[in-house]
Amino acid sequence: MEEEYIRVINITVIGVISWGLIFILVRRIFSNYSFDFSTRIVSTLHATVAVVLATLTIQDWSCPVYPIASTSSLQQMETMAFSLSYMIYDLICSHFDQVLSIDNAVHHSVCILGFVAGLCYRKCASEMVAAIWITEISSPFLHLREILKEIGYRDTDLNLAADVCFATIFSLARMVGGPYLVYVTMAADNPILIKVN
């Protein structure tokens, strides 16, 4: 048990440092573009890897959010620690942007609190990993839309395709998967902090 927590802490700390270094590298490579452009590249990388990791933790494809309110597996905890490290990095990174977004800071703080609660309780990781999957599956297309605009592809067929992909995936994931996930999380015997988050 202690070894698992040490692993989670290591993933989180190394992750925060790695995200920072990746951002610095991306910022240098794309120095002609905006700060937002670089953060979107890093965010796309996180979203893509997070969806893959979340997908790999699914134990039963007939019911992806299974087992409900169960003890977290090491793989689920590692997936949460991976996304926790990104949220901490992104919260810190957002303070270096010219415009500080209060709603973004609140969003990141709530996500960090949720991940920490899930990791400390070592419970309901199936629900939390499913939440990662649902929220991040459309993120690459969200960022692609803005990246394409900045590199000169605004109002093109490629930008329209990215818009359509984002709208479709976002709608299906958030409007179909989201309510289902909220229902099973609230109905299960989960800690109140997890239900509220």
Protein backbone atom coordinates (compact mmCIF):
# COMPACT_ATOMS: atom_id res chain seq x y z
CA MET A 1 0.00 0.00 0.00
CA GLU A 2 2.76 2.47 0.91
CA GLU A 3 4.67 1.57 -2.23
CA GLU A 4 1.62 2.44 -4.32
CA TYR A 5 1.33 5.87 -2.71
CA ILE A 6 5.05 6.50 -3.23
CA ARG A 7 4.60 5.55 -6.90
CA VAL A 8 1.64 7.94 -7.22
CA ILE A 9 3.61 10.77 -5.58
CA ASN A 10 6.59 10.10 -7.87
CA ILE A 11 4.38 10.12 -10.98
CA THR A 12 2.82 13.39 -9.85
CA VAL A 13 6.09 15.17 -9.03
CA ILE A 14 7.95 13.89 -12.09
CA GLY A 15 4.86 14.69 -14.17
CA VAL A 16 4.69 18.34 -13.05
CA ILE A 17 8.38 18.80 -13.84
CA SER A 18 8.04 16.99 -17.18
CA TRP A 19 5.03 19.06 -18.27
CA GLY A 20 6.97 22.22 -17.42
CA LEU A 21 9.97 21.08 -19.47
CA ILE A 22 7.75 20.03 -22.38
CA PHE A 23 6.10 23.46 -22.33
CA ILE A 24 9.49 25.22 -22.36
CA LEU A 25 10.60 23.06 -25.30
CA VAL A 26 7.37 23.66 -27.23
CA ARG A 27 7.59 27.39 -26.48
CA ARG A 28 11.12 27.52 -27.93
CA ILE A 29 10.20 25.52 -31.03
CA PHE A 30 7.09 27.63 -31.70
CA SER A 31 8.45 30.97 -30.45
CA ASN A 32 6.72 32.86 -33.28
CA TYR A 33 3.33 31.79 -31.97
CA SER A 34 1.40 32.82 -28.87
CA PHE A 35 1.69 31.55 -25.31
CA ASP A 36 -1.79 30.05 -25.76
CA PHE A 37 -0.60 28.13 -28.83
CA SER A 38 2.11 26.39 -26.78
CA THR A 39 -0.24 25.58 -23.91
CA ARG A 40 -2.69 24.06 -26.38
CA ILE A 41 0.03 21.79 -27.83
CA VAL A 42 0.90 20.54 -24.32
CA SER A 43 -2.78 20.16 -23.44
CA THR A 44 -3.38 18.12 -26.60
CA LEU A 45 -0.49 15.83 -25.66
CA HIS A 46 -1.94 15.37 -22.17
CA ALA A 47 -5.47 14.72 -23.45
CA THR A 48 -4.29 12.13 -25.97
CA VAL A 49 -2.18 10.19 -23.47
CA ALA A 50 -4.85 10.51 -20.73
CA VAL A 51 -7.52 9.00 -23.00
CA VAL A 52 -5.21 6.11 -23.92
CA LEU A 53 -4.36 5.46 -20.24
CA ALA A 54 -8.02 5.71 -19.21
CA THR A 55 -9.01 3.30 -21.99
CA LEU A 56 -6.37 0.79 -20.85
CA THR A 57 -7.83 0.73 -17.32
CA ILE A 58 -11.27 -0.46 -18.46
CA GLN A 59 -11.84 -3.88 -16.93
CA ASP A 60 -15.19 -4.74 -18.53
CA TRP A 61 -16.13 -3.23 -21.90
CA SER A 62 -19.79 -4.16 -21.44
CA CYS A 63 -19.83 -1.72 -18.50
CA PRO A 64 -16.83 0.67 -18.73
CA VAL A 65 -17.55 2.24 -15.33
CA TYR A 66 -17.10 -1.03 -13.50
CA PRO A 67 -16.55 -1.86 -10.71
CA ILE A 68 -18.40 1.06 -9.14
CA ALA A 69 -17.27 2.44 -5.74
CA SER A 70 -14.52 -0.16 -5.58
CA THR A 71 -10.94 -0.05 -4.41
CA SER A 72 -8.72 1.62 -6.99
CA SER A 73 -6.29 -0.50 -8.97
CA LEU A 74 -2.68 0.62 -9.29
CA GLN A 75 -3.20 1.32 -13.01
CA GLN A 76 -6.20 3.55 -12.23
CA MET A 77 -4.24 5.41 -9.55
CA GLU A 78 -1.36 5.93 -11.99
CA THR A 79 -3.79 7.34 -14.57
CA MET A 80 -5.22 9.75 -11.99
CA ALA A 81 -1.72 10.77 -10.87
CA PHE A 82 -0.78 11.43 -14.51
CA SER A 83 -3.72 13.81 -14.95
CA LEU A 84 -3.17 15.31 -11.49
CA SER A 85 0.37 16.24 -12.50
CA TYR A 86 -0.95 17.95 -15.63
CA MET A 87 -3.60 19.89 -13.68
CA ILE A 88 -0.98 21.15 -11.20
CA TYR A 89 1.35 22.15 -14.05
CA ASP A 90 -1.47 23.89 -15.96
CA LEU A 91 -2.62 25.79 -12.86
CA ILE A 92 0.94 27.05 -12.34
CA CYS A 93 1.47 27.75 -16.05
CA SER A 94 -1.74 29.78 -16.31
CA HIS A 95 -0.26 32.32 -13.88
CA PHE A 96 2.39 33.20 -16.46
CA ASP A 97 -0.15 34.08 -19.14
CA GLN A 98 -1.04 37.72 -19.66
CA VAL A 99 -4.68 37.19 -18.69
CA LEU A 100 -5.38 35.31 -15.45
CA SER A 101 -8.67 33.43 -15.70
CA ILE A 102 -10.43 33.00 -12.37
CA ASP A 103 -12.84 30.36 -13.70
CA ASN A 104 -9.90 28.37 -15.09
CA ALA A 105 -8.11 28.57 -11.73
CA VAL A 106 -11.25 27.39 -9.91
CA HIS A 107 -11.72 24.56 -12.43
CA HIS A 108 -8.14 23.36 -11.97
CA SER A 109 -8.35 23.63 -8.17
CA VAL A 110 -11.55 21.56 -8.08
CA CYS A 111 -10.00 18.91 -10.37
CA ILE A 112 -6.86 18.77 -8.22
CA LEU A 113 -8.97 18.39 -5.07
CA GLY A 114 -10.97 15.61 -6.73
CA PHE A 115 -7.87 13.70 -7.83
CA VAL A 116 -6.25 14.05 -4.40
CA ALA A 117 -9.47 12.88 -2.69
CA GLY A 118 -9.76 9.89 -5.03
CA LEU A 119 -6.12 8.95 -4.48
CA CYS A 120 -6.33 9.39 -0.69
CA TYR A 121 -9.59 7.43 -0.34
CA ARG A 122 -8.23 4.91 -2.86
CA LYS A 123 -11.79 4.43 -3.96
CA CYS A 124 -14.07 5.14 -6.96
CA ALA A 125 -11.24 5.27 -9.51
CA SER A 126 -13.45 3.62 -12.12
CA GLU A 127 -15.74 6.65 -12.00
CA MET A 128 -12.86 9.14 -11.92
CA VAL A 129 -10.98 7.52 -14.79
CA ALA A 130 -14.23 7.49 -16.79
CA ALA A 131 -14.54 11.22 -16.05
CA ILE A 132 -11.02 11.73 -17.43
CA TRP A 133 -12.00 9.84 -20.58
CA ILE A 134 -15.25 11.78 -21.04
CA THR A 135 -13.68 15.20 -20.48
CA GLU A 136 -10.49 14.65 -22.46
CA ILE A 137 -11.76 12.72 -25.52
CA SER A 138 -12.83 15.95 -27.27
CA SER A 139 -9.92 18.13 -26.06
CA PRO A 140 -7.53 17.43 -28.96
CA PHE A 141 -10.18 18.65 -31.42
CA LEU A 142 -10.97 21.68 -29.26
CA HIS A 143 -7.32 22.69 -29.30
CA LEU A 144 -6.86 21.77 -32.96
CA ARG A 145 -9.55 24.31 -33.87
CA GLU A 146 -7.61 27.13 -32.21
CA ILE A 147 -4.19 25.91 -33.40
CA LEU A 148 -5.42 25.83 -37.01
CA LYS A 149 -6.76 29.38 -36.70
CA GLU A 150 -3.44 30.66 -35.37
CA ILE A 151 -1.37 29.04 -38.13
CA GLY A 152 -3.57 30.53 -40.85
CA TYR A 153 -6.26 27.92 -41.51
CA ARG A 154 -9.22 29.95 -40.23
CA ASP A 155 -12.39 29.50 -42.35
CA THR A 156 -10.98 26.53 -44.27
CA ASP A 157 -12.40 23.04 -44.82
CA LEU A 158 -9.78 21.66 -42.42
CA ASN A 159 -10.91 24.05 -39.69
CA LEU A 160 -14.55 23.17 -40.38
CA ALA A 161 -13.71 19.45 -40.11
CA ALA A 162 -12.04 20.08 -36.74
CA ASP A 163 -15.14 22.05 -35.61
CA VAL A 164 -17.50 19.24 -36.65
CA CYS A 165 -15.35 16.54 -34.99
CA PHE A 166 -15.15 18.57 -31.79
CA ALA A 167 -18.89 19.29 -31.69
CA THR A 168 -19.83 15.67 -32.38
CA ILE A 169 -17.43 14.07 -29.91
CA PHE A 170 -18.05 16.71 -27.23
CA SER A 171 -21.83 16.33 -27.52
CA LEU A 172 -21.81 12.54 -27.41
CA ALA A 173 -19.29 12.29 -24.57
CA ARG A 174 -20.63 15.07 -22.36
CA MET A 175 -24.35 14.80 -23.08
CA VAL A 176 -24.63 11.01 -23.15
CA GLY A 177 -21.68 9.75 -21.11
CA GLY A 178 -21.66 12.66 -18.66
CA PRO A 179 -25.18 12.28 -17.20
CA TYR A 180 -24.74 8.50 -17.00
CA LEU A 181 -21.48 8.93 -15.10
CA VAL A 182 -23.03 11.46 -12.71
CA TYR A 183 -25.90 9.06 -12.04
CA VAL A 184 -23.73 6.02 -11.27
CA THR A 185 -21.34 8.12 -9.14
CA MET A 186 -24.16 9.63 -7.09
CA ALA A 187 -26.02 6.31 -6.74
CA ALA A 188 -22.94 4.35 -5.61
CA ASP A 189 -21.54 4.26 -2.09
CA ASN A 190 -18.87 6.89 -2.75
CA PRO A 191 -17.43 9.39 -0.24
CA ILE A 192 -19.35 12.70 -0.21
CA LEU A 193 -16.27 14.64 -1.40
CA ILE A 194 -16.17 12.48 -4.54
CA LYS A 195 -19.90 12.91 -5.17
CA VAL A 196 -19.65 16.69 -4.81
CA ASN A 197 -16.61 16.87 -7.06
